[in-house]
Amino acid sequence: MDQAAGLYRGGCHCGAVAFEVRGPIERAIVCNCSICAKKGYIHWIVARERFRLLTAWEELAVYRFNTGVARHYFCRRCGVASFYVPRSDPDKIDVNLRCVEGVEPGRLRIEHFDGRH
């Protein structure tokens, strides 16, 4: 991980899922909708070209609900949800900042989004 160059690495708990993201962490968002609240997700929404999955897509399971547009990916082995394709921005990737190496959630300036209403 080279945070000075804007390159971050992350993944799941067991290491079966790994990824890289390029660019600055400009926004960190916590949403109170039913799924985000239960996951404890801290959102970092990035353009697809800034995200690179380093492991095979076959290591991931996917969960869809409601409209089916959002694709919530998680590790088949440990169950950690480190990123997903958001319904609101299906052309982007929403990275869980809790799964990014070297990022301390307590030091982030968190924005709150009311996804429940």
PDB file of N, CA and C in Angstrom:
ATOM      1  N   MET A   1       0.854  -1.177   0.000  1.00  0.00           N
ATOM      2  CA  MET A   1       0.000   0.000   0.000  1.00  0.00           C
ATOM      3  C   MET A   1       0.892   1.229   0.000  1.00  0.00           C
ATOM      4  N   ASP A   2       0.601   2.133  -0.903  1.00  0.00           N
ATOM      5  CA  ASP A   2       1.341   3.378  -1.000  1.00  0.00           C
ATOM      6  C   ASP A   2       0.356   4.533  -0.927  1.00  0.00           C
ATOM      7  N   GLN A   3      -0.064   4.871   0.287  1.00  0.00           N
ATOM      8  CA  GLN A   3      -1.084   5.898   0.459  1.00  0.00           C
ATOM      9  C   GLN A   3      -0.602   7.258  -0.005  1.00  0.00           C
ATOM     10  N   ALA A   4       0.699   7.522   0.075  1.00  0.00           N
ATOM     11  CA  ALA A   4       1.223   8.800  -0.384  1.00  0.00           C
ATOM     12  C   ALA A   4       0.980   8.968  -1.882  1.00  0.00           C
ATOM     13  N   ALA A   5       1.003   7.866  -2.617  1.00  0.00           N
ATOM     14  CA  ALA A   5       0.764   7.905  -4.064  1.00  0.00           C
ATOM     15  C   ALA A   5      -0.710   7.714  -4.381  1.00  0.00           C
ATOM     16  N   GLY A   6      -1.544   7.587  -3.343  1.00  0.00           N
ATOM     17  CA  GLY A   6      -2.969   7.412  -3.563  1.00  0.00           C
ATOM     18  C   GLY A   6      -3.361   6.004  -3.948  1.00  0.00           C
ATOM     19  N   LEU A   7      -2.571   5.016  -3.546  1.00  0.00           N
ATOM     20  CA  LEU A   7      -2.894   3.617  -3.821  1.00  0.00           C
ATOM     21  C   LEU A   7      -3.195   2.928  -2.498  1.00  0.00           C
ATOM     22  N   TYR A   8      -4.383   2.377  -2.397  1.00  0.00           N
ATOM     23  CA  TYR A   8      -4.818   1.678  -1.193  1.00  0.00           C
ATOM     24  C   TYR A   8      -5.095   0.225  -1.532  1.00  0.00           C
ATOM     25  N   ARG A   9      -4.804  -0.658  -0.581  1.00  0.00           N
ATOM     26  CA  ARG A   9      -5.134  -2.078  -0.723  1.00  0.00           C
ATOM     27  C   ARG A   9      -6.124  -2.444   0.360  1.00  0.00           C
ATOM     28  N   GLY A  10      -6.919  -3.451   0.061  1.00  0.00           N
ATOM     29  CA  GLY A  10      -7.887  -3.913   1.038  1.00  0.00           C
ATOM     30  C   GLY A  10      -8.408  -5.280   0.671  1.00  0.00           C
ATOM     31  N   GLY A  11      -9.361  -5.749   1.459  1.00  0.00           N
ATOM     32  CA  GLY A  11      -9.950  -7.055   1.192  1.00  0.00           C
ATOM     33  C   GLY A  11     -10.707  -7.568   2.384  1.00  0.00           C
ATOM     34  N   CYS A  12     -10.950  -8.850   2.357  1.00  0.00           N
ATOM     35  CA  CYS A  12     -11.738  -9.501   3.404  1.00  0.00           C
ATOM     36  C   CYS A  12     -10.855  -9.944   4.571  1.00  0.00           C
ATOM     37  N   HIS A  13     -11.446 -10.578   5.555  1.00  0.00           N
ATOM     38  CA  HIS A  13     -10.733 -11.028   6.754  1.00  0.00           C
ATOM     39  C   HIS A  13      -9.756 -12.162   6.477  1.00  0.00           C
ATOM     40  N   CYS A  14     -10.177 -13.148   5.683  1.00  0.00           N
ATOM     41  CA  CYS A  14      -9.346 -14.335   5.457  1.00  0.00           C
ATOM     42  C   CYS A  14      -8.319 -14.159   4.345  1.00  0.00           C
ATOM     43  N   GLY A  15      -8.424 -13.087   3.552  1.00  0.00           N
ATOM     44  CA  GLY A  15      -7.461 -12.826   2.490  1.00  0.00           C
ATOM     45  C   GLY A  15      -7.836 -13.402   1.132  1.00  0.00           C
ATOM     46  N   ALA A  16      -8.953 -14.097   1.042  1.00  0.00           N
ATOM     47  CA  ALA A  16      -9.374 -14.664  -0.242  1.00  0.00           C
ATOM     48  C   ALA A  16      -9.791 -13.584  -1.230  1.00  0.00           C
ATOM     49  N   VAL A  17     -10.238 -12.437  -0.721  1.00  0.00           N
ATOM     50  CA  VAL A  17     -10.633 -11.312  -1.573  1.00  0.00           C
ATOM     51  C   VAL A  17      -9.671 -10.161  -1.302  1.00  0.00           C
ATOM     52  N   ALA A  18      -9.063  -9.652  -2.379  1.00  0.00           N
ATOM     53  CA  ALA A  18      -8.131  -8.526  -2.267  1.00  0.00           C
ATOM     54  C   ALA A  18      -8.386  -7.566  -3.413  1.00  0.00           C
ATOM     55  N   PHE A  19      -8.163  -6.282  -3.140  1.00  0.00           N
ATOM     56  CA  PHE A  19      -8.362  -5.269  -4.168  1.00  0.00           C
ATOM     57  C   PHE A  19      -7.417  -4.102  -3.949  1.00  0.00           C
ATOM     58  N   GLU A  20      -7.307  -3.251  -4.972  1.00  0.00           N
ATOM     59  CA  GLU A  20      -6.586  -1.992  -4.894  1.00  0.00           C
ATOM     60  C   GLU A  20      -7.523  -0.880  -5.344  1.00  0.00           C
ATOM     61  N   VAL A  21      -7.334   0.299  -4.755  1.00  0.00           N
ATOM     62  CA  VAL A  21      -8.093   1.476  -5.153  1.00  0.00           C
ATOM     63  C   VAL A  21      -7.111   2.635  -5.277  1.00  0.00           C
ATOM     64  N   ARG A  22      -7.211   3.367  -6.387  1.00  0.00           N
ATOM     65  CA  ARG A  22      -6.368   4.543  -6.605  1.00  0.00           C
ATOM     66  C   ARG A  22      -7.159   5.811  -6.338  1.00  0.00           C
ATOM     67  N   GLY A  23      -6.491   6.775  -5.746  1.00  0.00           N
ATOM     68  CA  GLY A  23      -7.105   8.082  -5.554  1.00  0.00           C
ATOM     69  C   GLY A  23      -7.258   8.446  -4.098  1.00  0.00           C
ATOM     70  N   PRO A  24      -7.570   9.689  -3.857  1.00  0.00           N
ATOM     71  CA  PRO A  24      -7.737  10.151  -2.481  1.00  0.00           C
ATOM     72  C   PRO A  24      -9.090   9.730  -1.899  1.00  0.00           C
ATOM     73  N   ILE A  25      -9.123   9.592  -0.605  1.00  0.00           N
ATOM     74  CA  ILE A  25     -10.391   9.350   0.091  1.00  0.00           C
ATOM     75  C   ILE A  25     -11.004  10.723   0.320  1.00  0.00           C
ATOM     76  N   GLU A  26     -11.916  11.089  -0.555  1.00  0.00           N
ATOM     77  CA  GLU A  26     -12.508  12.424  -0.509  1.00  0.00           C
ATOM     78  C   GLU A  26     -13.752  12.481   0.362  1.00  0.00           C
ATOM     79  N   ARG A  27     -14.498  11.384   0.407  1.00  0.00           N
ATOM     80  CA  ARG A  27     -15.727  11.346   1.198  1.00  0.00           C
ATOM     81  C   ARG A  27     -15.837   9.991   1.892  1.00  0.00           C
ATOM     82  N   ALA A  28     -16.254  10.013   3.133  1.00  0.00           N
ATOM     83  CA  ALA A  28     -16.561   8.803   3.897  1.00  0.00           C
ATOM     84  C   ALA A  28     -17.987   8.967   4.404  1.00  0.00           C
ATOM     85  N   ILE A  29     -18.840   8.021   4.041  1.00  0.00           N
ATOM     86  CA  ILE A  29     -20.269   8.169   4.314  1.00  0.00           C
ATOM     87  C   ILE A  29     -20.783   6.980   5.114  1.00  0.00           C
ATOM     88  N   VAL A  30     -21.608   7.255   6.100  1.00  0.00           N
ATOM     89  CA  VAL A  30     -22.316   6.216   6.842  1.00  0.00           C
ATOM     90  C   VAL A  30     -23.798   6.388   6.525  1.00  0.00           C
ATOM     91  N   CYS A  31     -24.419   5.291   6.125  1.00  0.00           N
ATOM     92  CA  CYS A  31     -25.833   5.282   5.760  1.00  0.00           C
ATOM     93  C   CYS A  31     -26.606   4.478   6.809  1.00  0.00           C
ATOM     94  N   ASN A  32     -27.823   4.903   7.099  1.00  0.00           N
ATOM     95  CA  ASN A  32     -28.623   4.207   8.111  1.00  0.00           C
ATOM     96  C   ASN A  32     -29.680   3.283   7.515  1.00  0.00           C
ATOM     97  N   CYS A  33     -29.565   2.933   6.219  1.00  0.00           N
ATOM     98  CA  CYS A  33     -30.540   2.003   5.633  1.00  0.00           C
ATOM     99  C   CYS A  33     -30.373   0.621   6.274  1.00  0.00           C
ATOM    100  N   SER A  34     -31.309  -0.260   6.013  1.00  0.00           N
ATOM    101  CA  SER A  34     -31.335  -1.559   6.693  1.00  0.00           C
ATOM    102  C   SER A  34     -30.071  -2.376   6.490  1.00  0.00           C
ATOM    103  N   ILE A  35     -29.522  -2.431   5.298  1.00  0.00           N
ATOM    104  CA  ILE A  35     -28.349  -3.284   5.072  1.00  0.00           C
ATOM    105  C   ILE A  35     -27.060  -2.616   5.527  1.00  0.00           C
ATOM    106  N   CYS A  36     -26.897  -1.324   5.258  1.00  0.00           N
ATOM    107  CA  CYS A  36     -25.657  -0.637   5.658  1.00  0.00           C
ATOM    108  C   CYS A  36     -25.511  -0.581   7.176  1.00  0.00           C
ATOM    109  N   ALA A  37     -26.610  -0.340   7.870  1.00  0.00           N
ATOM    110  CA  ALA A  37     -26.562  -0.270   9.332  1.00  0.00           C
ATOM    111  C   ALA A  37     -26.156  -1.614   9.923  1.00  0.00           C
ATOM    112  N   LYS A  38     -26.679  -2.697   9.379  1.00  0.00           N
ATOM    113  CA  LYS A  38     -26.350  -4.023   9.915  1.00  0.00           C
ATOM    114  C   LYS A  38     -24.917  -4.436   9.591  1.00  0.00           C
ATOM    115  N   LYS A  39     -24.394  -3.987   8.439  1.00  0.00           N
ATOM    116  CA  LYS A  39     -23.021  -4.312   8.045  1.00  0.00           C
ATOM    117  C   LYS A  39     -21.988  -3.422   8.726  1.00  0.00           C
ATOM    118  N   GLY A  40     -22.389  -2.226   9.161  1.00  0.00           N
ATOM    119  CA  GLY A  40     -21.432  -1.282   9.718  1.00  0.00           C
ATOM    120  C   GLY A  40     -20.555  -0.671   8.642  1.00  0.00           C
ATOM    121  N   TYR A  41     -21.105  -0.526   7.460  1.00  0.00           N
ATOM    122  CA  TYR A  41     -20.385  -0.060   6.287  1.00  0.00           C
ATOM    123  C   TYR A  41     -19.991   1.413   6.404  1.00  0.00           C
ATOM    124  N   ILE A  42     -18.770   1.749   6.001  1.00  0.00           N
ATOM    125  CA  ILE A  42     -18.348   3.131   5.789  1.00  0.00           C
ATOM    126  C   ILE A  42     -18.035   3.237   4.304  1.00  0.00           C
ATOM    127  N   HIS A  43     -18.823   4.006   3.593  1.00  0.00           N
ATOM    128  CA  HIS A  43     -18.779   4.063   2.137  1.00  0.00           C
ATOM    129  C   HIS A  43     -17.690   4.984   1.597  1.00  0.00           C
ATOM    130  N   TRP A  44     -17.005   4.490   0.565  1.00  0.00           N
ATOM    131  CA  TRP A  44     -16.072   5.276  -0.244  1.00  0.00           C
ATOM    132  C   TRP A  44     -16.415   4.939  -1.684  1.00  0.00           C
ATOM    133  N   ILE A  45     -17.146   5.805  -2.340  1.00  0.00           N
ATOM    134  CA  ILE A  45     -17.619   5.536  -3.696  1.00  0.00           C
ATOM    135  C   ILE A  45     -16.583   6.052  -4.691  1.00  0.00           C
ATOM    136  N   VAL A  46     -16.131   5.136  -5.576  1.00  0.00           N
ATOM    137  CA  VAL A  46     -15.073   5.470  -6.540  1.00  0.00           C
ATOM    138  C   VAL A  46     -15.489   5.059  -7.949  1.00  0.00           C
ATOM    139  N   ALA A  47     -14.878   5.687  -8.932  1.00  0.00           N
ATOM    140  CA  ALA A  47     -15.087   5.298 -10.328  1.00  0.00           C
ATOM    141  C   ALA A  47     -14.532   3.890 -10.528  1.00  0.00           C
ATOM    142  N   ARG A  48     -15.177   3.121 -11.397  1.00  0.00           N
ATOM    143  CA  ARG A  48     -14.741   1.737 -11.632  1.00  0.00           C
ATOM    144  C   ARG A  48     -13.286   1.628 -12.041  1.00  0.00           C
ATOM    145  N   GLU A  49     -12.807   2.583 -12.819  1.00  0.00           N
ATOM    146  CA  GLU A  49     -11.422   2.497 -13.292  1.00  0.00           C
ATOM    147  C   GLU A  49     -10.414   2.714 -12.167  1.00  0.00           C
ATOM    148  N   ARG A  50     -10.849   3.217 -11.019  1.00  0.00           N
ATOM    149  CA  ARG A  50      -9.970   3.377  -9.861  1.00  0.00           C
ATOM    150  C   ARG A  50      -9.896   2.115  -9.008  1.00  0.00           C
ATOM    151  N   PHE A  51     -10.776   1.147  -9.264  1.00  0.00           N
ATOM    152  CA  PHE A  51     -10.868  -0.080  -8.472  1.00  0.00           C
ATOM    153  C   PHE A  51     -10.332  -1.251  -9.288  1.00  0.00           C
ATOM    154  N   ARG A  52      -9.514  -2.088  -8.649  1.00  0.00           N
ATOM    155  CA  ARG A  52      -9.018  -3.294  -9.323  1.00  0.00           C
ATOM    156  C   ARG A  52      -9.097  -4.471  -8.364  1.00  0.00           C
ATOM    157  N   LEU A  53      -9.892  -5.462  -8.731  1.00  0.00           N
ATOM    158  CA  LEU A  53      -9.987  -6.691  -7.944  1.00  0.00           C
ATOM    159  C   LEU A  53      -8.754  -7.528  -8.241  1.00  0.00           C
ATOM    160  N   LEU A  54      -8.037  -7.949  -7.205  1.00  0.00           N
ATOM    161  CA  LEU A  54      -6.793  -8.701  -7.370  1.00  0.00           C
ATOM    162  C   LEU A  54      -6.997 -10.205  -7.316  1.00  0.00           C
ATOM    163  N   THR A  55      -8.172 -10.623  -6.913  1.00  0.00           N
ATOM    164  CA  THR A  55      -8.481 -12.051  -6.822  1.00  0.00           C
ATOM    165  C   THR A  55      -9.616 -12.375  -7.792  1.00  0.00           C
ATOM    166  N   ALA A  56      -9.874 -13.636  -7.960  1.00  0.00           N
ATOM    167  CA  ALA A  56     -10.907 -14.072  -8.904  1.00  0.00           C
ATOM    168  C   ALA A  56     -12.306 -13.733  -8.397  1.00  0.00           C
ATOM    169  N   TRP A  57     -13.177 -13.327  -9.331  1.00  0.00           N
ATOM    170  CA  TRP A  57     -14.565 -13.037  -8.986  1.00  0.00           C
ATOM    171  C   TRP A  57     -15.236 -14.262  -8.382  1.00  0.00           C
ATOM    172  N   GLU A  58     -14.753 -15.447  -8.688  1.00  0.00           N
ATOM    173  CA  GLU A  58     -15.333 -16.684  -8.160  1.00  0.00           C
ATOM    174  C   GLU A  58     -15.175 -16.807  -6.643  1.00  0.00           C
ATOM    175  N   GLU A  59     -14.279 -16.033  -6.060  1.00  0.00           N
ATOM    176  CA  GLU A  59     -14.110 -16.034  -4.601  1.00  0.00           C
ATOM    177  C   GLU A  59     -15.258 -15.304  -3.909  1.00  0.00           C
ATOM    178  N   LEU A  60     -16.060 -14.582  -4.696  1.00  0.00           N
ATOM    179  CA  LEU A  60     -17.126 -13.759  -4.149  1.00  0.00           C
ATOM    180  C   LEU A  60     -18.500 -14.390  -4.321  1.00  0.00           C
ATOM    181  N   ALA A  61     -19.355 -14.111  -3.357  1.00  0.00           N
ATOM    182  CA  ALA A  61     -20.785 -14.405  -3.479  1.00  0.00           C
ATOM    183  C   ALA A  61     -21.454 -13.044  -3.650  1.00  0.00           C
ATOM    184  N   VAL A  62     -22.678 -13.043  -4.138  1.00  0.00           N
ATOM    185  CA  VAL A  62     -23.380 -11.784  -4.343  1.00  0.00           C
ATOM    186  C   VAL A  62     -24.783 -11.872  -3.760  1.00  0.00           C
ATOM    187  N   TYR A  63     -25.216 -10.763  -3.177  1.00  0.00           N
ATOM    188  CA  TYR A  63     -26.550 -10.669  -2.613  1.00  0.00           C
ATOM    189  C   TYR A  63     -27.260  -9.493  -3.272  1.00  0.00           C
ATOM    190  N   ARG A  64     -28.474  -9.741  -3.768  1.00  0.00           N
ATOM    191  CA  ARG A  64     -29.310  -8.691  -4.368  1.00  0.00           C
ATOM    192  C   ARG A  64     -30.667  -8.713  -3.690  1.00  0.00           C
ATOM    193  N   PHE A  65     -31.268  -7.551  -3.552  1.00  0.00           N
ATOM    194  CA  PHE A  65     -32.611  -7.491  -2.984  1.00  0.00           C
ATOM    195  C   PHE A  65     -33.344  -6.295  -3.581  1.00  0.00           C
ATOM    196  N   ASN A  66     -34.610  -6.174  -3.279  1.00  0.00           N
ATOM    197  CA  ASN A  66     -35.461  -5.077  -3.729  1.00  0.00           C
ATOM    198  C   ASN A  66     -35.381  -4.939  -5.251  1.00  0.00           C
ATOM    199  N   THR A  67     -34.794  -3.870  -5.783  1.00  0.00           N
ATOM    200  CA  THR A  67     -34.762  -3.659  -7.234  1.00  0.00           C
ATOM    201  C   THR A  67     -33.767  -4.583  -7.935  1.00  0.00           C
ATOM    202  N   GLY A  68     -32.822  -5.148  -7.205  1.00  0.00           N
ATOM    203  CA  GLY A  68     -31.821  -6.038  -7.790  1.00  0.00           C
ATOM    204  C   GLY A  68     -30.688  -5.320  -8.495  1.00  0.00           C
ATOM    205  N   VAL A  69     -30.704  -3.992  -8.506  1.00  0.00           N
ATOM    206  CA  VAL A  69     -29.656  -3.238  -9.192  1.00  0.00           C
ATOM    207  C   VAL A  69     -28.342  -3.313  -8.419  1.00  0.00           C
ATOM    208  N   ALA A  70     -28.404  -3.080  -7.125  1.00  0.00           N
ATOM    209  CA  ALA A  70     -27.192  -3.143  -6.301  1.00  0.00           C
ATOM    210  C   ALA A  70     -26.709  -4.590  -6.224  1.00  0.00           C
ATOM    211  N   ARG A  71     -25.385  -4.758  -6.323  1.00  0.00           N
ATOM    212  CA  ARG A  71     -24.787  -6.087  -6.187  1.00  0.00           C
ATOM    213  C   ARG A  71     -23.851  -6.042  -4.982  1.00  0.00           C
ATOM    214  N   HIS A  72     -24.295  -6.652  -3.898  1.00  0.00           N
ATOM    215  CA  HIS A  72     -23.536  -6.666  -2.647  1.00  0.00           C
ATOM    216  C   HIS A  72     -22.639  -7.900  -2.634  1.00  0.00           C
ATOM    217  N   TYR A  73     -21.356  -7.690  -2.884  1.00  0.00           N
ATOM    218  CA  TYR A  73     -20.396  -8.792  -2.943  1.00  0.00           C
ATOM    219  C   TYR A  73     -19.816  -9.057  -1.559  1.00  0.00           C
ATOM    220  N   PHE A  74     -19.545 -10.328  -1.290  1.00  0.00           N
ATOM    221  CA  PHE A  74     -18.897 -10.696  -0.035  1.00  0.00           C
ATOM    222  C   PHE A  74     -18.093 -11.970  -0.238  1.00  0.00           C
ATOM    223  N   CYS A  75     -17.130 -12.206   0.637  1.00  0.00           N
ATOM    224  CA  CYS A  75     -16.254 -13.367   0.543  1.00  0.00           C
ATOM    225  C   CYS A  75     -17.032 -14.647   0.834  1.00  0.00           C
ATOM    226  N   ARG A  76     -16.872 -15.634  -0.019  1.00  0.00           N
ATOM    227  CA  ARG A  76     -17.540 -16.932   0.175  1.00  0.00           C
ATOM    228  C   ARG A  76     -17.022 -17.654   1.428  1.00  0.00           C
ATOM    229  N   ARG A  77     -15.783 -17.383   1.807  1.00  0.00           N
ATOM    230  CA  ARG A  77     -15.171 -18.107   2.926  1.00  0.00           C
ATOM    231  C   ARG A  77     -15.465 -17.440   4.280  1.00  0.00           C
ATOM    232  N   CYS A  78     -15.166 -16.143   4.419  1.00  0.00           N
ATOM    233  CA  CYS A  78     -15.299 -15.497   5.727  1.00  0.00           C
ATOM    234  C   CYS A  78     -16.532 -14.603   5.856  1.00  0.00           C
ATOM    235  N   GLY A  79     -17.174 -14.290   4.741  1.00  0.00           N
ATOM    236  CA  GLY A  79     -18.407 -13.515   4.786  1.00  0.00           C
ATOM    237  C   GLY A  79     -18.254 -12.009   4.819  1.00  0.00           C
ATOM    238  N   VAL A  80     -17.026 -11.497   4.812  1.00  0.00           N
ATOM    239  CA  VAL A  80     -16.829 -10.054   4.889  1.00  0.00           C
ATOM    240  C   VAL A  80     -17.228  -9.381   3.579  1.00  0.00           C
ATOM    241  N   ALA A  81     -17.972  -8.285   3.717  1.00  0.00           N
ATOM    242  CA  ALA A  81     -18.437  -7.495   2.566  1.00  0.00           C
ATOM    243  C   ALA A  81     -17.518  -6.290   2.406  1.00  0.00           C
ATOM    244  N   SER A  82     -16.560  -6.378   1.491  1.00  0.00           N
ATOM    245  CA  SER A  82     -15.568  -5.315   1.363  1.00  0.00           C
ATOM    246  C   SER A  82     -15.883  -4.294   0.271  1.00  0.00           C
ATOM    247  N   PHE A  83     -16.806  -4.615  -0.642  1.00  0.00           N
ATOM    248  CA  PHE A  83     -17.216  -3.651  -1.658  1.00  0.00           C
ATOM    249  C   PHE A  83     -18.524  -4.099  -2.290  1.00  0.00           C
ATOM    250  N   TYR A  84     -19.173  -3.166  -3.006  1.00  0.00           N
ATOM    251  CA  TYR A  84     -20.379  -3.517  -3.749  1.00  0.00           C
ATOM    252  C   TYR A  84     -20.641  -2.511  -4.855  1.00  0.00           C
ATOM    253  N   VAL A  85     -21.548  -2.851  -5.748  1.00  0.00           N
ATOM    254  CA  VAL A  85     -21.993  -1.948  -6.805  1.00  0.00           C
ATOM    255  C   VAL A  85     -23.279  -1.302  -6.303  1.00  0.00           C
ATOM    256  N   PRO A  86     -23.281   0.021  -6.085  1.00  0.00           N
ATOM    257  CA  PRO A  86     -24.436   0.667  -5.477  1.00  0.00           C
ATOM    258  C   PRO A  86     -25.596   0.894  -6.458  1.00  0.00           C
ATOM    259  N   ARG A  87     -26.791   0.808  -5.940  1.00  0.00           N
ATOM    260  CA  ARG A  87     -28.002   1.067  -6.731  1.00  0.00           C
ATOM    261  C   ARG A  87     -28.014   2.502  -7.225  1.00  0.00           C
ATOM    262  N   SER A  88     -27.584   3.433  -6.387  1.00  0.00           N
ATOM    263  CA  SER A  88     -27.619   4.855  -6.730  1.00  0.00           C
ATOM    264  C   SER A  88     -26.561   5.242  -7.769  1.00  0.00           C
ATOM    265  N   ASP A  89     -25.490   4.474  -7.864  1.00  0.00           N
ATOM    266  CA  ASP A  89     -24.393   4.725  -8.815  1.00  0.00           C
ATOM    267  C   ASP A  89     -23.884   3.402  -9.370  1.00  0.00           C
ATOM    268  N   PRO A  90     -24.665   2.712 -10.220  1.00  0.00           N
ATOM    269  CA  PRO A  90     -24.262   1.370 -10.671  1.00  0.00           C
ATOM    270  C   PRO A  90     -23.033   1.355 -11.574  1.00  0.00           C
ATOM    271  N   ASP A  91     -22.557   2.515 -11.992  1.00  0.00           N
ATOM    272  CA  ASP A  91     -21.339   2.592 -12.792  1.00  0.00           C
ATOM    273  C   ASP A  91     -20.096   2.772 -11.918  1.00  0.00           C
ATOM    274  N   LYS A  92     -20.282   2.755 -10.602  1.00  0.00           N
ATOM    275  CA  LYS A  92     -19.166   2.948  -9.668  1.00  0.00           C
ATOM    276  C   LYS A  92     -19.041   1.747  -8.729  1.00  0.00           C
ATOM    277  N   ILE A  93     -18.007   1.784  -7.909  1.00  0.00           N
ATOM    278  CA  ILE A  93     -17.787   0.769  -6.879  1.00  0.00           C
ATOM    279  C   ILE A  93     -17.828   1.471  -5.526  1.00  0.00           C
ATOM    280  N   ASP A  94     -18.512   0.866  -4.587  1.00  0.00           N
ATOM    281  CA  ASP A  94     -18.607   1.399  -3.232  1.00  0.00           C
ATOM    282  C   ASP A  94     -17.749   0.511  -2.337  1.00  0.00           C
ATOM    283  N   VAL A  95     -16.634   1.052  -1.906  1.00  0.00           N
ATOM    284  CA  VAL A  95     -15.661   0.322  -1.096  1.00  0.00           C
ATOM    285  C   VAL A  95     -15.971   0.549   0.379  1.00  0.00           C
ATOM    286  N   ASN A  96     -15.911  -0.517   1.158  1.00  0.00           N
ATOM    287  CA  ASN A  96     -16.088  -0.412   2.601  1.00  0.00           C
ATOM    288  C   ASN A  96     -14.753   0.014   3.210  1.00  0.00           C
ATOM    289  N   LEU A  97     -14.678   1.242   3.692  1.00  0.00           N
ATOM    290  CA  LEU A  97     -13.417   1.748   4.245  1.00  0.00           C
ATOM    291  C   LEU A  97     -12.930   0.949   5.448  1.00  0.00           C
ATOM    292  N   ARG A  98     -13.815   0.200   6.084  1.00  0.00           N
ATOM    293  CA  ARG A  98     -13.380  -0.663   7.193  1.00  0.00           C
ATOM    294  C   ARG A  98     -12.508  -1.814   6.686  1.00  0.00           C
ATOM    295  N   CYS A  99     -12.528  -2.052   5.386  1.00  0.00           N
ATOM    296  CA  CYS A  99     -11.767  -3.152   4.787  1.00  0.00           C
ATOM    297  C   CYS A  99     -10.525  -2.673   4.040  1.00  0.00           C
ATOM    298  N   VAL A 100     -10.172  -1.399   4.182  1.00  0.00           N
ATOM    299  CA  VAL A 100      -9.002  -0.834   3.514  1.00  0.00           C
ATOM    300  C   VAL A 100      -7.865  -0.747   4.518  1.00  0.00           C
ATOM    301  N   GLU A 101      -6.715  -1.287   4.132  1.00  0.00           N
ATOM    302  CA  GLU A 101      -5.545  -1.311   5.020  1.00  0.00           C
ATOM    303  C   GLU A 101      -5.071   0.099   5.360  1.00  0.00           C
ATOM    304  N   GLY A 102      -4.738   0.312   6.618  1.00  0.00           N
ATOM    305  CA  GLY A 102      -4.159   1.575   7.050  1.00  0.00           C
ATOM    306  C   GLY A 102      -5.139   2.716   7.258  1.00  0.00           C
ATOM    307  N   VAL A 103      -6.415   2.458   7.050  1.00  0.00           N
ATOM    308  CA  VAL A 103      -7.426   3.499   7.254  1.00  0.00           C
ATOM    309  C   VAL A 103      -8.029   3.315   8.638  1.00  0.00           C
ATOM    310  N   GLU A 104      -7.958   4.356   9.448  1.00  0.00           N
ATOM    311  CA  GLU A 104      -8.540   4.307  10.779  1.00  0.00           C
ATOM    312  C   GLU A 104      -9.868   5.059  10.772  1.00  0.00           C
ATOM    313  N   PRO A 105     -10.985   4.339  10.912  1.00  0.00           N
ATOM    314  CA  PRO A 105     -12.296   4.986  10.851  1.00  0.00           C
ATOM    315  C   PRO A 105     -12.458   6.167  11.803  1.00  0.00           C
ATOM    316  N   GLY A 106     -11.840   6.119  12.972  1.00  0.00           N
ATOM    317  CA  GLY A 106     -11.955   7.202  13.943  1.00  0.00           C
ATOM    318  C   GLY A 106     -11.320   8.504  13.488  1.00  0.00           C
ATOM    319  N   ARG A 107     -10.480   8.438  12.476  1.00  0.00           N
ATOM    320  CA  ARG A 107      -9.810   9.644  11.973  1.00  0.00           C
ATOM    321  C   ARG A 107     -10.486  10.224  10.737  1.00  0.00           C
ATOM    322  N   LEU A 108     -11.513   9.548  10.252  1.00  0.00           N
ATOM    323  CA  LEU A 108     -12.220  10.026   9.064  1.00  0.00           C
ATOM    324  C   LEU A 108     -13.264  11.069   9.440  1.00  0.00           C
ATOM    325  N   ARG A 109     -13.485  12.022   8.548  1.00  0.00           N
ATOM    326  CA  ARG A 109     -14.599  12.949   8.703  1.00  0.00           C
ATOM    327  C   ARG A 109     -15.798  12.278   8.048  1.00  0.00           C
ATOM    328  N   ILE A 110     -16.716  11.827   8.852  1.00  0.00           N
ATOM    329  CA  ILE A 110     -17.848  11.029   8.381  1.00  0.00           C
ATOM    330  C   ILE A 110     -19.034  11.922   8.040  1.00  0.00           C
ATOM    331  N   GLU A 111     -19.604  11.695   6.859  1.00  0.00           N
ATOM    332  CA  GLU A 111     -20.860  12.318   6.471  1.00  0.00           C
ATOM    333  C   GLU A 111     -21.969  11.289   6.718  1.00  0.00           C
ATOM    334  N   HIS A 112     -23.109  11.740   7.111  1.00  0.00           N
ATOM    335  CA  HIS A 112     -24.237  10.828   7.362  1.00  0.00           C
ATOM    336  C   HIS A 112     -25.288  10.978   6.274  1.00  0.00           C
ATOM    337  N   PHE A 113     -25.777   9.834   5.810  1.00  0.00           N
ATOM    338  CA  PHE A 113     -26.786   9.803   4.766  1.00  0.00           C
ATOM    339  C   PHE A 113     -28.010   9.062   5.302  1.00  0.00           C
ATOM    340  N   ASP A 114     -29.168   9.666   5.151  1.00  0.00           N
ATOM    341  CA  ASP A 114     -30.412   9.042   5.630  1.00  0.00           C
ATOM    342  C   ASP A 114     -31.006   8.153   4.549  1.00  0.00           C
ATOM    343  N   GLY A 115     -30.532   6.934   4.478  1.00  0.00           N
ATOM    344  CA  GLY A 115     -31.021   5.963   3.501  1.00  0.00           C
ATOM    345  C   GLY A 115     -32.269   5.226   3.986  1.00  0.00           C
ATOM    346  N   ARG A 116     -32.592   5.395   5.235  1.00  0.00           N
ATOM    347  CA  ARG A 116     -33.774   4.752   5.801  1.00  0.00           C
ATOM    348  C   ARG A 116     -35.040   5.435   5.328  1.00  0.00           C
ATOM    349  N   HIS A 117     -34.982   6.748   5.129  1.00  0.00           N
ATOM    350  CA  HIS A 117     -36.167   7.516   4.740  1.00  0.00           C
ATOM    351  C   HIS A 117     -36.006   7.983   3.317  1.00  0.00           C
TER     352      HIS A 117
END
